[in-house]
Amino acid sequence: MSERLKATVLLLIGDQAEVTTAHRDHTDPERVPVARLVAETGIPREQLAGAELVAVVSDDGELVRFERA
């Protein structure tokens, strides 16, 4: 069974996005490839910073997919 969490894209640094969830706040954000977020959500790169998403988390805590909120 997977868990669904609210996720927010804080900012983009090169080809990586810093993403926060209930498990990883702004002091320790998850780094996710921008290309992955664009492919999975359909949100253009220039609109990702500040975007609200849903993160699908596997039982072992891995972020397996991102969706539009």
Protein backbone atom coordinates (compact mmCIF):
# COMPACT_ATOMS: atom_id res chain seq x y z
CA MET A 1 0.00 0.00 0.00
CA SER A 2 1.26 3.49 -0.79
CA GLU A 3 0.83 6.79 1.01
CA ARG A 4 -0.12 10.08 -0.64
CA LEU A 5 1.40 13.28 0.73
CA LYS A 6 1.09 16.96 -0.04
CA ALA A 7 4.35 18.15 -1.62
CA THR A 8 5.57 21.62 -2.49
CA VAL A 9 8.33 22.55 -4.93
CA LEU A 10 10.42 25.13 -3.08
CA LEU A 11 12.86 26.05 -5.84
CA LEU A 12 14.87 24.78 -8.76
CA ILE A 13 18.64 24.47 -8.70
CA GLY A 14 19.97 23.57 -12.12
CA ASP A 15 18.37 20.28 -13.11
CA GLN A 16 17.16 19.49 -9.56
CA ALA A 17 14.06 20.63 -7.66
CA GLU A 18 13.89 20.91 -3.88
CA VAL A 19 10.60 19.41 -2.70
CA THR A 20 9.10 19.40 0.79
CA THR A 21 6.63 16.89 2.24
CA ALA A 22 5.31 16.09 5.70
CA HIS A 23 8.44 13.94 6.17
CA ARG A 24 10.99 16.40 4.71
CA ASP A 25 10.65 20.10 5.50
CA HIS A 26 12.51 23.12 4.15
CA THR A 27 15.58 22.37 6.30
CA ASP A 28 16.07 18.99 4.58
CA PRO A 29 14.11 18.96 1.28
CA GLU A 30 14.03 16.02 -1.10
CA ARG A 31 16.01 16.60 -4.31
CA VAL A 32 14.13 15.44 -7.40
CA PRO A 33 15.14 15.79 -11.06
CA VAL A 34 13.19 18.60 -12.75
CA ALA A 35 12.73 16.42 -15.84
CA ARG A 36 10.97 13.79 -13.71
CA LEU A 37 8.54 16.34 -12.25
CA VAL A 38 7.76 17.76 -15.70
CA ALA A 39 7.19 14.27 -17.14
CA GLU A 40 5.03 13.03 -14.25
CA THR A 41 2.93 16.17 -13.68
CA GLY A 42 2.89 17.90 -17.06
CA ILE A 43 3.75 21.19 -15.34
CA PRO A 44 6.25 23.21 -17.41
CA ARG A 45 9.65 23.87 -15.81
CA GLU A 46 9.01 27.60 -15.59
CA GLN A 47 5.89 26.96 -13.48
CA LEU A 48 7.34 24.36 -11.08
CA ALA A 49 8.73 26.66 -8.37
CA GLY A 50 5.97 27.03 -5.81
CA ALA A 51 3.81 24.28 -7.34
CA GLU A 52 1.66 22.19 -5.01
CA LEU A 53 1.85 18.47 -5.83
CA VAL A 54 0.87 15.09 -4.47
CA ALA A 55 3.74 12.71 -3.78
CA VAL A 56 3.02 8.98 -3.85
CA VAL A 57 5.29 7.21 -1.36
CA SER A 58 5.95 3.47 -1.31
CA ASP A 59 5.87 1.37 1.86
CA ASP A 60 9.66 1.70 2.13
CA GLY A 61 9.49 5.52 2.02
CA GLU A 62 10.55 5.99 -1.60
CA LEU A 63 8.90 8.75 -3.63
CA VAL A 64 7.53 6.70 -6.52
CA ARG A 65 5.45 9.28 -8.36
CA PHE A 66 4.33 12.91 -8.38
CA GLU A 67 0.92 14.16 -9.48
CA ARG A 68 -0.77 17.54 -9.78
CA ALA A 69 -2.55 18.50 -6.58
